[in-house]
Amino acid sequence: MQLTGYDTDRSSLSAPAPVEVGGEYDVHIEDIAREGDGIARVEGFVIFVADTKVGDDARIQIDKVMRRFAIGHKV
């Protein structure tokens, strides 16, 4: 059963992500992932952002939204 408003990459049983593909958000980079990408959060939802470091404040655009995290880039 497909519910309206749910991303196709997300389970219909989980709450929708607080971000959407193409959306722009002002974030603070809180941590660094093992792969070196910065980690930001929007309403507790993790977003990986390349070319950032801890302490950066950045405007980002979301490229992909998954069930537990999103991937974005600086704009």
PDB file of N, CA and C in Angstrom:
ATOM      1  N   MET A   1       0.849  -1.197   0.000  1.00  0.00           N
ATOM      2  CA  MET A   1       0.000   0.000   0.000  1.00  0.00           C
ATOM      3  C   MET A   1       0.878   1.238   0.000  1.00  0.00           C
ATOM      4  N   GLN A   2       0.710   2.094  -0.974  1.00  0.00           N
ATOM      5  CA  GLN A   2       1.502   3.318  -1.091  1.00  0.00           C
ATOM      6  C   GLN A   2       0.691   4.472  -0.508  1.00  0.00           C
ATOM      7  N   LEU A   3       1.299   5.180   0.432  1.00  0.00           N
ATOM      8  CA  LEU A   3       0.625   6.325   1.037  1.00  0.00           C
ATOM      9  C   LEU A   3       1.081   7.606   0.366  1.00  0.00           C
ATOM     10  N   THR A   4       0.188   8.523   0.121  1.00  0.00           N
ATOM     11  CA  THR A   4       0.504   9.793  -0.503  1.00  0.00           C
ATOM     12  C   THR A   4       1.430  10.604   0.400  1.00  0.00           C
ATOM     13  N   GLY A   5       2.412  11.265  -0.226  1.00  0.00           N
ATOM     14  CA  GLY A   5       3.308  12.124   0.534  1.00  0.00           C
ATOM     15  C   GLY A   5       4.554  11.424   1.037  1.00  0.00           C
ATOM     16  N   TYR A   6       4.675  10.121   0.792  1.00  0.00           N
ATOM     17  CA  TYR A   6       5.861   9.395   1.223  1.00  0.00           C
ATOM     18  C   TYR A   6       6.801   9.231   0.051  1.00  0.00           C
ATOM     19  N   ASP A   7       8.081   9.495   0.292  1.00  0.00           N
ATOM     20  CA  ASP A   7       9.101   9.327  -0.732  1.00  0.00           C
ATOM     21  C   ASP A   7       9.193   7.850  -1.087  1.00  0.00           C
ATOM     22  N   THR A   8       9.468   7.540  -2.339  1.00  0.00           N
ATOM     23  CA  THR A   8       9.545   6.140  -2.750  1.00  0.00           C
ATOM     24  C   THR A   8      10.716   5.407  -2.118  1.00  0.00           C
ATOM     25  N   ASP A   9      11.744   6.131  -1.650  1.00  0.00           N
ATOM     26  CA  ASP A   9      12.887   5.497  -0.982  1.00  0.00           C
ATOM     27  C   ASP A   9      12.592   5.216   0.495  1.00  0.00           C
ATOM     28  N   ARG A  10      11.480   5.674   0.990  1.00  0.00           N
ATOM     29  CA  ARG A  10      11.172   5.563   2.415  1.00  0.00           C
ATOM     30  C   ARG A  10      10.065   4.543   2.642  1.00  0.00           C
ATOM     31  N   SER A  11      10.132   3.877   3.763  1.00  0.00           N
ATOM     32  CA  SER A  11       9.109   2.904   4.125  1.00  0.00           C
ATOM     33  C   SER A  11       7.796   3.619   4.415  1.00  0.00           C
ATOM     34  N   SER A  12       6.701   3.026   3.996  1.00  0.00           N
ATOM     35  CA  SER A  12       5.400   3.641   4.258  1.00  0.00           C
ATOM     36  C   SER A  12       5.045   3.583   5.741  1.00  0.00           C
ATOM     37  N   LEU A  13       5.828   2.834   6.518  1.00  0.00           N
ATOM     38  CA  LEU A  13       5.566   2.733   7.955  1.00  0.00           C
ATOM     39  C   LEU A  13       6.329   3.766   8.769  1.00  0.00           C
ATOM     40  N   SER A  14       7.307   4.468   8.162  1.00  0.00           N
ATOM     41  CA  SER A  14       8.091   5.450   8.899  1.00  0.00           C
ATOM     42  C   SER A  14       7.527   6.845   8.680  1.00  0.00           C
ATOM     43  N   ALA A  15       7.859   7.745   9.596  1.00  0.00           N
ATOM     44  CA  ALA A  15       7.419   9.126   9.453  1.00  0.00           C
ATOM     45  C   ALA A  15       8.168   9.770   8.299  1.00  0.00           C
ATOM     46  N   PRO A  16       7.561  10.715   7.615  1.00  0.00           N
ATOM     47  CA  PRO A  16       8.255  11.378   6.517  1.00  0.00           C
ATOM     48  C   PRO A  16       9.449  12.187   7.028  1.00  0.00           C
ATOM     49  N   ALA A  17      10.466  12.295   6.197  1.00  0.00           N
ATOM     50  CA  ALA A  17      11.656  13.071   6.561  1.00  0.00           C
ATOM     51  C   ALA A  17      11.282  14.549   6.654  1.00  0.00           C
ATOM     52  N   PRO A  18      11.969  15.297   7.525  1.00  0.00           N
ATOM     53  CA  PRO A  18      11.679  16.731   7.638  1.00  0.00           C
ATOM     54  C   PRO A  18      12.358  17.553   6.552  1.00  0.00           C
ATOM     55  N   VAL A  19      13.014  16.878   5.582  1.00  0.00           N
ATOM     56  CA  VAL A  19      13.649  17.553   4.449  1.00  0.00           C
ATOM     57  C   VAL A  19      13.156  16.908   3.160  1.00  0.00           C
ATOM     58  N   GLU A  20      13.310  17.612   2.047  1.00  0.00           N
ATOM     59  CA  GLU A  20      12.884  17.057   0.768  1.00  0.00           C
ATOM     60  C   GLU A  20      13.935  17.338  -0.298  1.00  0.00           C
ATOM     61  N   VAL A  21      13.984  16.486  -1.311  1.00  0.00           N
ATOM     62  CA  VAL A  21      14.931  16.647  -2.405  1.00  0.00           C
ATOM     63  C   VAL A  21      14.721  18.010  -3.063  1.00  0.00           C
ATOM     64  N   GLY A  22      15.823  18.739  -3.232  1.00  0.00           N
ATOM     65  CA  GLY A  22      15.763  20.069  -3.836  1.00  0.00           C
ATOM     66  C   GLY A  22      15.575  21.184  -2.835  1.00  0.00           C
ATOM     67  N   GLY A  23      15.180  20.838  -1.617  1.00  0.00           N
ATOM     68  CA  GLY A  23      14.981  21.850  -0.582  1.00  0.00           C
ATOM     69  C   GLY A  23      16.302  22.415  -0.099  1.00  0.00           C
ATOM     70  N   GLU A  24      16.295  23.691   0.300  1.00  0.00           N
ATOM     71  CA  GLU A  24      17.490  24.335   0.842  1.00  0.00           C
ATOM     72  C   GLU A  24      17.278  24.623   2.322  1.00  0.00           C
ATOM     73  N   TYR A  25      18.346  24.384   3.112  1.00  0.00           N
ATOM     74  CA  TYR A  25      18.275  24.514   4.557  1.00  0.00           C
ATOM     75  C   TYR A  25      19.561  25.132   5.082  1.00  0.00           C
ATOM     76  N   ASP A  26      19.446  25.939   6.128  1.00  0.00           N
ATOM     77  CA  ASP A  26      20.616  26.463   6.827  1.00  0.00           C
ATOM     78  C   ASP A  26      20.920  25.484   7.952  1.00  0.00           C
ATOM     79  N   VAL A  27      22.156  24.966   7.963  1.00  0.00           N
ATOM     80  CA  VAL A  27      22.524  23.942   8.942  1.00  0.00           C
ATOM     81  C   VAL A  27      23.850  24.277   9.613  1.00  0.00           C
ATOM     82  N   HIS A  28      24.105  23.595  10.715  1.00  0.00           N
ATOM     83  CA  HIS A  28      25.368  23.672  11.443  1.00  0.00           C
ATOM     84  C   HIS A  28      25.983  22.276  11.407  1.00  0.00           C
ATOM     85  N   ILE A  29      27.241  22.175  11.000  1.00  0.00           N
ATOM     86  CA  ILE A  29      27.920  20.884  10.921  1.00  0.00           C
ATOM     87  C   ILE A  29      28.387  20.506  12.330  1.00  0.00           C
ATOM     88  N   GLU A  30      27.837  19.401  12.839  1.00  0.00           N
ATOM     89  CA  GLU A  30      28.068  18.991  14.226  1.00  0.00           C
ATOM     90  C   GLU A  30      29.160  17.946  14.384  1.00  0.00           C
ATOM     91  N   ASP A  31      29.407  17.161  13.331  1.00  0.00           N
ATOM     92  CA  ASP A  31      30.328  16.031  13.446  1.00  0.00           C
ATOM     93  C   ASP A  31      30.834  15.678  12.056  1.00  0.00           C
ATOM     94  N   ILE A  32      31.782  14.733  12.006  1.00  0.00           N
ATOM     95  CA  ILE A  32      32.317  14.254  10.736  1.00  0.00           C
ATOM     96  C   ILE A  32      32.089  12.749  10.653  1.00  0.00           C
ATOM     97  N   ALA A  33      31.594  12.292   9.506  1.00  0.00           N
ATOM     98  CA  ALA A  33      31.372  10.863   9.277  1.00  0.00           C
ATOM     99  C   ALA A  33      32.696  10.178   8.964  1.00  0.00           C
ATOM    100  N   ARG A  34      32.727   8.865   9.058  1.00  0.00           N
ATOM    101  CA  ARG A  34      33.936   8.092   8.754  1.00  0.00           C
ATOM    102  C   ARG A  34      34.486   8.399   7.369  1.00  0.00           C
ATOM    103  N   GLU A  35      33.604   8.646   6.421  1.00  0.00           N
ATOM    104  CA  GLU A  35      34.025   8.926   5.051  1.00  0.00           C
ATOM    105  C   GLU A  35      34.514  10.359   4.870  1.00  0.00           C
ATOM    106  N   GLY A  36      34.366  11.199   5.897  1.00  0.00           N
ATOM    107  CA  GLY A  36      34.854  12.576   5.846  1.00  0.00           C
ATOM    108  C   GLY A  36      33.804  13.629   5.592  1.00  0.00           C
ATOM    109  N   ASP A  37      32.573  13.218   5.301  1.00  0.00           N
ATOM    110  CA  ASP A  37      31.503  14.202   5.086  1.00  0.00           C
ATOM    111  C   ASP A  37      31.063  14.796   6.418  1.00  0.00           C
ATOM    112  N   GLY A  38      30.633  16.056   6.378  1.00  0.00           N
ATOM    113  CA  GLY A  38      30.087  16.682   7.567  1.00  0.00           C
ATOM    114  C   GLY A  38      28.713  16.119   7.874  1.00  0.00           C
ATOM    115  N   ILE A  39      28.354  16.157   9.161  1.00  0.00           N
ATOM    116  CA  ILE A  39      27.042  15.694   9.603  1.00  0.00           C
ATOM    117  C   ILE A  39      26.282  16.875  10.192  1.00  0.00           C
ATOM    118  N   ALA A  40      25.108  17.130   9.607  1.00  0.00           N
ATOM    119  CA  ALA A  40      24.204  18.157  10.119  1.00  0.00           C
ATOM    120  C   ALA A  40      22.896  17.463  10.476  1.00  0.00           C
ATOM    121  N   ARG A  41      22.042  18.174  11.198  1.00  0.00           N
ATOM    122  CA  ARG A  41      20.733  17.613  11.537  1.00  0.00           C
ATOM    123  C   ARG A  41      19.653  18.679  11.352  1.00  0.00           C
ATOM    124  N   VAL A  42      18.530  18.232  10.820  1.00  0.00           N
ATOM    125  CA  VAL A  42      17.331  19.071  10.732  1.00  0.00           C
ATOM    126  C   VAL A  42      16.249  18.304  11.465  1.00  0.00           C
ATOM    127  N   GLU A  43      15.763  18.870  12.567  1.00  0.00           N
ATOM    128  CA  GLU A  43      14.776  18.206  13.428  1.00  0.00           C
ATOM    129  C   GLU A  43      15.247  16.808  13.818  1.00  0.00           C
ATOM    130  N   GLY A  44      16.550  16.659  14.059  1.00  0.00           N
ATOM    131  CA  GLY A  44      17.121  15.388  14.488  1.00  0.00           C
ATOM    132  C   GLY A  44      17.447  14.435  13.339  1.00  0.00           C
ATOM    133  N   PHE A  45      17.049  14.766  12.124  1.00  0.00           N
ATOM    134  CA  PHE A  45      17.266  13.926  10.949  1.00  0.00           C
ATOM    135  C   PHE A  45      18.657  14.198  10.395  1.00  0.00           C
ATOM    136  N   VAL A  46      19.459  13.151  10.218  1.00  0.00           N
ATOM    137  CA  VAL A  46      20.858  13.284   9.804  1.00  0.00           C
ATOM    138  C   VAL A  46      20.977  13.612   8.322  1.00  0.00           C
ATOM    139  N   ILE A  47      21.872  14.572   8.029  1.00  0.00           N
ATOM    140  CA  ILE A  47      22.182  14.942   6.651  1.00  0.00           C
ATOM    141  C   ILE A  47      23.700  14.946   6.492  1.00  0.00           C
ATOM    142  N   PHE A  48      24.198  14.214   5.500  1.00  0.00           N
ATOM    143  CA  PHE A  48      25.622  14.183   5.195  1.00  0.00           C
ATOM    144  C   PHE A  48      25.905  15.250   4.145  1.00  0.00           C
ATOM    145  N   VAL A  49      26.944  16.072   4.420  1.00  0.00           N
ATOM    146  CA  VAL A  49      27.274  17.181   3.531  1.00  0.00           C
ATOM    147  C   VAL A  49      28.769  17.155   3.225  1.00  0.00           C
ATOM    148  N   ALA A  50      29.125  16.958   1.947  1.00  0.00           N
ATOM    149  CA  ALA A  50      30.527  16.931   1.533  1.00  0.00           C
ATOM    150  C   ALA A  50      31.160  18.310   1.653  1.00  0.00           C
ATOM    151  N   ASP A  51      32.484  18.324   1.769  1.00  0.00           N
ATOM    152  CA  ASP A  51      33.275  19.567   1.774  1.00  0.00           C
ATOM    153  C   ASP A  51      32.924  20.504   2.917  1.00  0.00           C
ATOM    154  N   THR A  52      32.636  19.939   4.085  1.00  0.00           N
ATOM    155  CA  THR A  52      32.375  20.741   5.283  1.00  0.00           C
ATOM    156  C   THR A  52      33.197  20.183   6.425  1.00  0.00           C
ATOM    157  N   LYS A  53      33.328  20.999   7.477  1.00  0.00           N
ATOM    158  CA  LYS A  53      34.026  20.544   8.672  1.00  0.00           C
ATOM    159  C   LYS A  53      33.240  20.956   9.909  1.00  0.00           C
ATOM    160  N   VAL A  54      33.563  20.342  11.038  1.00  0.00           N
ATOM    161  CA  VAL A  54      32.860  20.630  12.289  1.00  0.00           C
ATOM    162  C   VAL A  54      32.913  22.123  12.585  1.00  0.00           C
ATOM    163  N   GLY A  55      31.770  22.673  12.928  1.00  0.00           N
ATOM    164  CA  GLY A  55      31.664  24.086  13.263  1.00  0.00           C
ATOM    165  C   GLY A  55      31.184  24.954  12.117  1.00  0.00           C
ATOM    166  N   ASP A  56      31.203  24.424  10.895  1.00  0.00           N
ATOM    167  CA  ASP A  56      30.730  25.205   9.743  1.00  0.00           C
ATOM    168  C   ASP A  56      29.229  25.455   9.838  1.00  0.00           C
ATOM    169  N   ASP A  57      28.825  26.636   9.422  1.00  0.00           N
ATOM    170  CA  ASP A  57      27.413  26.939   9.182  1.00  0.00           C
ATOM    171  C   ASP A  57      27.286  27.035   7.671  1.00  0.00           C
ATOM    172  N   ALA A  58      26.322  26.341   7.102  1.00  0.00           N
ATOM    173  CA  ALA A  58      26.219  26.283   5.649  1.00  0.00           C
ATOM    174  C   ALA A  58      24.781  26.275   5.190  1.00  0.00           C
ATOM    175  N   ARG A  59      24.580  26.790   4.001  1.00  0.00           N
ATOM    176  CA  ARG A  59      23.295  26.654   3.300  1.00  0.00           C
ATOM    177  C   ARG A  59      23.472  25.443   2.398  1.00  0.00           C
ATOM    178  N   ILE A  60      22.574  24.468   2.528  1.00  0.00           N
ATOM    179  CA  ILE A  60      22.707  23.239   1.750  1.00  0.00           C
ATOM    180  C   ILE A  60      21.454  22.980   0.930  1.00  0.00           C
ATOM    181  N   GLN A  61      21.632  22.154  -0.088  1.00  0.00           N
ATOM    182  CA  GLN A  61      20.496  21.679  -0.886  1.00  0.00           C
ATOM    183  C   GLN A  61      20.505  20.162  -0.811  1.00  0.00           C
ATOM    184  N   ILE A  62      19.347  19.565  -0.632  1.00  0.00           N
ATOM    185  CA  ILE A  62      19.218  18.122  -0.480  1.00  0.00           C
ATOM    186  C   ILE A  62      19.210  17.447  -1.853  1.00  0.00           C
ATOM    187  N   ASP A  63      20.098  16.437  -2.005  1.00  0.00           N
ATOM    188  CA  ASP A  63      20.206  15.683  -3.258  1.00  0.00           C
ATOM    189  C   ASP A  63      19.427  14.373  -3.215  1.00  0.00           C
ATOM    190  N   LYS A  64      19.411  13.728  -2.061  1.00  0.00           N
ATOM    191  CA  LYS A  64      18.762  12.414  -1.941  1.00  0.00           C
ATOM    192  C   LYS A  64      18.254  12.236  -0.511  1.00  0.00           C
ATOM    193  N   VAL A  65      17.072  11.669  -0.367  1.00  0.00           N
ATOM    194  CA  VAL A  65      16.499  11.392   0.952  1.00  0.00           C
ATOM    195  C   VAL A  65      16.290   9.889   1.072  1.00  0.00           C
ATOM    196  N   MET A  66      16.863   9.320   2.111  1.00  0.00           N
ATOM    197  CA  MET A  66      16.713   7.899   2.402  1.00  0.00           C
ATOM    198  C   MET A  66      15.862   7.759   3.663  1.00  0.00           C
ATOM    199  N   ARG A  67      15.680   6.531   4.115  1.00  0.00           N
ATOM    200  CA  ARG A  67      14.840   6.284   5.284  1.00  0.00           C
ATOM    201  C   ARG A  67      15.398   6.945   6.547  1.00  0.00           C
ATOM    202  N   ARG A  68      16.721   6.838   6.775  1.00  0.00           N
ATOM    203  CA  ARG A  68      17.303   7.330   8.018  1.00  0.00           C
ATOM    204  C   ARG A  68      18.185   8.560   7.873  1.00  0.00           C
ATOM    205  N   PHE A  69      18.497   8.955   6.655  1.00  0.00           N
ATOM    206  CA  PHE A  69      19.401  10.092   6.450  1.00  0.00           C
ATOM    207  C   PHE A  69      19.173  10.695   5.074  1.00  0.00           C
ATOM    208  N   ALA A  70      19.811  11.856   4.870  1.00  0.00           N
ATOM    209  CA  ALA A  70      19.773  12.511   3.567  1.00  0.00           C
ATOM    210  C   ALA A  70      21.196  12.884   3.180  1.00  0.00           C
ATOM    211  N   ILE A  71      21.379  13.166   1.895  1.00  0.00           N
ATOM    212  CA  ILE A  71      22.659  13.604   1.374  1.00  0.00           C
ATOM    213  C   ILE A  71      22.434  14.950   0.707  1.00  0.00           C
ATOM    214  N   GLY A  72      23.298  15.902   1.025  1.00  0.00           N
ATOM    215  CA  GLY A  72      23.162  17.233   0.450  1.00  0.00           C
ATOM    216  C   GLY A  72      24.509  17.820   0.090  1.00  0.00           C
ATOM    217  N   HIS A  73      24.473  19.009  -0.501  1.00  0.00           N
ATOM    218  CA  HIS A  73      25.703  19.718  -0.852  1.00  0.00           C
ATOM    219  C   HIS A  73      25.541  21.188  -0.525  1.00  0.00           C
ATOM    220  N   LYS A  74      26.681  21.865  -0.356  1.00  0.00           N
ATOM    221  CA  LYS A  74      26.655  23.306  -0.080  1.00  0.00           C
ATOM    222  C   LYS A  74      26.222  24.049  -1.340  1.00  0.00           C
ATOM    223  N   VAL A  75      25.475  25.129  -1.134  1.00  0.00           N
ATOM    224  CA  VAL A  75      25.077  25.983  -2.261  1.00  0.00           C
ATOM    225  C   VAL A  75      25.691  27.360  -2.115  1.00  0.00           C
TER     226      VAL A  75
END
